Protein backbone atom coordinates (compact mmCIF):
# COMPACT_ATOMS: atom_id res chain seq x y z
CA MET A 1 -13.10 10.65 38.23
CA ARG A 2 -15.67 13.29 38.44
CA GLY A 3 -15.85 15.47 36.09
CA ARG A 4 -14.11 15.98 32.86
CA GLY A 5 -11.00 16.89 33.38
CA ALA A 6 -8.76 20.24 33.47
CA GLY A 7 -8.94 20.92 37.41
CA GLU A 8 -10.98 20.89 40.16
CA GLY A 9 -10.59 25.16 39.92
CA VAL A 10 -12.48 24.56 36.84
CA ARG A 11 -15.39 22.55 37.72
CA THR A 12 -16.05 24.64 41.25
CA ARG A 13 -16.10 28.03 38.45
CA ASP A 14 -18.48 26.37 36.52
CA HIS A 15 -20.52 25.82 39.35
CA LEU A 16 -20.54 28.94 40.52
CA ALA A 17 -21.47 30.22 37.48
CA ASN A 18 -24.21 28.07 37.71
CA VAL A 19 -25.64 29.35 41.11
CA ARG A 20 -25.39 33.00 39.92
CA THR A 21 -27.48 32.36 36.85
CA THR A 22 -29.86 30.25 39.10
CA LEU A 23 -30.62 33.41 41.70
CA ALA A 24 -30.67 35.81 38.11
CA TRP A 25 -33.53 33.80 37.51
CA VAL A 26 -35.20 34.03 40.71
CA ARG A 27 -34.74 37.38 40.79
CA ILE A 28 -36.54 37.90 37.47
CA GLY A 29 -39.30 35.75 38.41
CA MET A 30 -39.37 38.03 41.53
CA ILE A 31 -39.46 41.21 39.28
CA LEU A 32 -42.08 39.86 37.52
CA MET A 33 -44.14 39.10 40.72
CA ALA A 34 -43.81 42.69 41.63
CA VAL A 35 -44.86 44.20 38.90
CA GLY A 36 -48.00 42.17 38.67
CA TYR A 37 -48.62 43.33 42.27
CA ALA A 38 -48.24 47.13 40.87
CA SER A 39 -50.27 46.49 38.16
CA ASP A 40 -52.87 44.98 39.75
CA LYS A 41 -52.95 47.68 42.65
CA LEU A 42 -52.32 50.80 40.36
CA ALA A 43 -55.11 49.28 38.51
CA ALA A 44 -57.45 49.92 41.99
CA LEU A 45 -56.15 53.15 42.01
CA GLU A 46 -56.94 54.40 38.21
CA SER A 47 -60.04 56.53 37.32
CA ALA A 48 -62.95 54.36 35.58
CA GLY A 49 -62.70 54.45 31.50
CA SER A 50 -58.29 54.49 31.93
CA PRO A 51 -56.41 51.26 30.03
CA LEU A 52 -54.52 50.55 33.34
CA ARG A 53 -58.00 50.15 35.38
CA THR A 54 -59.53 48.01 32.26
CA TYR A 55 -55.63 46.20 31.93
CA GLY A 56 -53.90 46.55 34.79
CA ARG A 57 -55.52 43.16 37.27
CA PRO A 58 -55.93 40.90 33.73
CA LEU A 59 -51.88 42.12 33.47
CA GLY A 60 -50.84 41.72 36.61
CA ILE A 61 -52.66 38.51 37.23
CA VAL A 62 -50.29 37.39 33.93
CA ALA A 63 -47.32 39.57 34.76
CA ALA A 64 -47.46 37.54 38.69
CA SER A 65 -47.94 34.14 36.99
CA ALA A 66 -45.50 34.57 34.89
CA GLY A 67 -42.76 36.09 37.84
CA VAL A 68 -43.90 32.06 40.08
CA VAL A 69 -43.17 29.80 36.53
CA VAL A 70 -39.60 31.64 35.88
CA ALA A 71 -39.17 31.03 39.48
CA ALA A 72 -40.21 27.56 39.43
CA ALA A 73 -38.65 27.16 36.60
CA ALA A 74 -34.70 28.06 37.61
CA LEU A 75 -34.48 24.71 40.02
CA PRO A 76 -35.12 22.15 37.37
CA ARG A 77 -33.10 24.28 35.13
CA PHE A 78 -30.31 24.27 38.42
CA LEU A 79 -30.61 20.63 38.48
CA TRP A 80 -30.31 19.96 34.35
CA ALA A 81 -26.92 21.80 34.47
CA ARG A 82 -25.34 20.78 37.61
CA ALA A 83 -25.94 17.20 35.96
CA ARG A 84 -24.08 18.57 32.66
CA ILE A 85 -20.90 20.28 34.66
CA GLU A 86 -20.21 16.40 35.83
CA SER A 87 -20.53 14.75 33.31
CA PRO A 88 -17.38 13.23 31.78
CA ARG A 89 -18.66 14.53 28.50
CA PHE A 90 -20.26 18.57 28.63
CA GLU A 91 -22.48 19.70 25.71
CA PRO A 92 -23.93 23.09 26.33
CA ARG A 93 -28.13 22.91 24.90
CA PRO A 94 -29.17 26.98 25.06
CA TRP A 95 -32.45 25.96 23.30
CA ALA A 96 -34.57 25.80 26.87
CA ASP A 97 -33.14 29.54 27.84
CA LEU A 98 -33.63 30.96 24.78
CA ALA A 99 -37.01 29.52 24.48
CA LEU A 100 -38.13 30.66 28.07
CA VAL A 101 -36.39 34.35 26.93
CA VAL A 102 -38.39 34.69 23.94
CA ALA A 103 -41.65 33.34 25.55
CA LEU A 104 -41.19 35.97 28.26
CA GLY A 105 -40.32 38.57 25.70
CA VAL A 106 -43.14 37.80 23.61
CA GLY A 107 -45.50 38.47 26.21
CA VAL A 108 -44.05 41.89 27.57
CA ILE A 109 -44.59 42.66 23.67
CA VAL A 110 -47.92 41.73 23.64
CA ALA A 111 -49.14 43.18 27.43
CA LEU A 112 -47.69 46.77 25.75
CA ALA A 113 -49.65 46.25 22.69
CA LEU A 114 -52.59 45.60 25.47
CA LEU A 115 -52.09 48.96 27.24
CA GLY A 116 -50.81 51.34 24.08
CA ALA A 117 -54.11 49.82 21.93
CA THR A 118 -56.42 50.88 24.03
CA ARG A 119 -54.91 55.36 23.98
C-alpha cells in the first residue's frame, strides 16, 4: 500500500498542490530573470552618474542569477516533496522553503539599500 491512507483523492490533491507550488517557484525564478534583464538594459539607457547606470548591471546579474537558482531549486524540492507525500508518514518540513524566501528577501533589501544610498 502506497501513501499514508485517507484515500486516493487526498494523495491526488497533495500531488497537485506540490505541482502548483513547483510551478510557482519556477514562475518566481522567471520573474527574477526578467527583472535582471530589464535592470541590465535600463542601465545601458541611463545617463552617466545615475545610480541605475552604476548599479544596474551588477543588480541585473545578481537578480538573473537568483532567478536561475530559484528555478533550479524547484525540481529537487518537487522530488523531495513527492517522496514525502508517498511515504507512510508525512512530516512537513518548511525550513528549506523558508530559508530560500528569507535569502531572497535579504537580497531584495540589500539591492534596494544600494540603490537608495546612491541618491
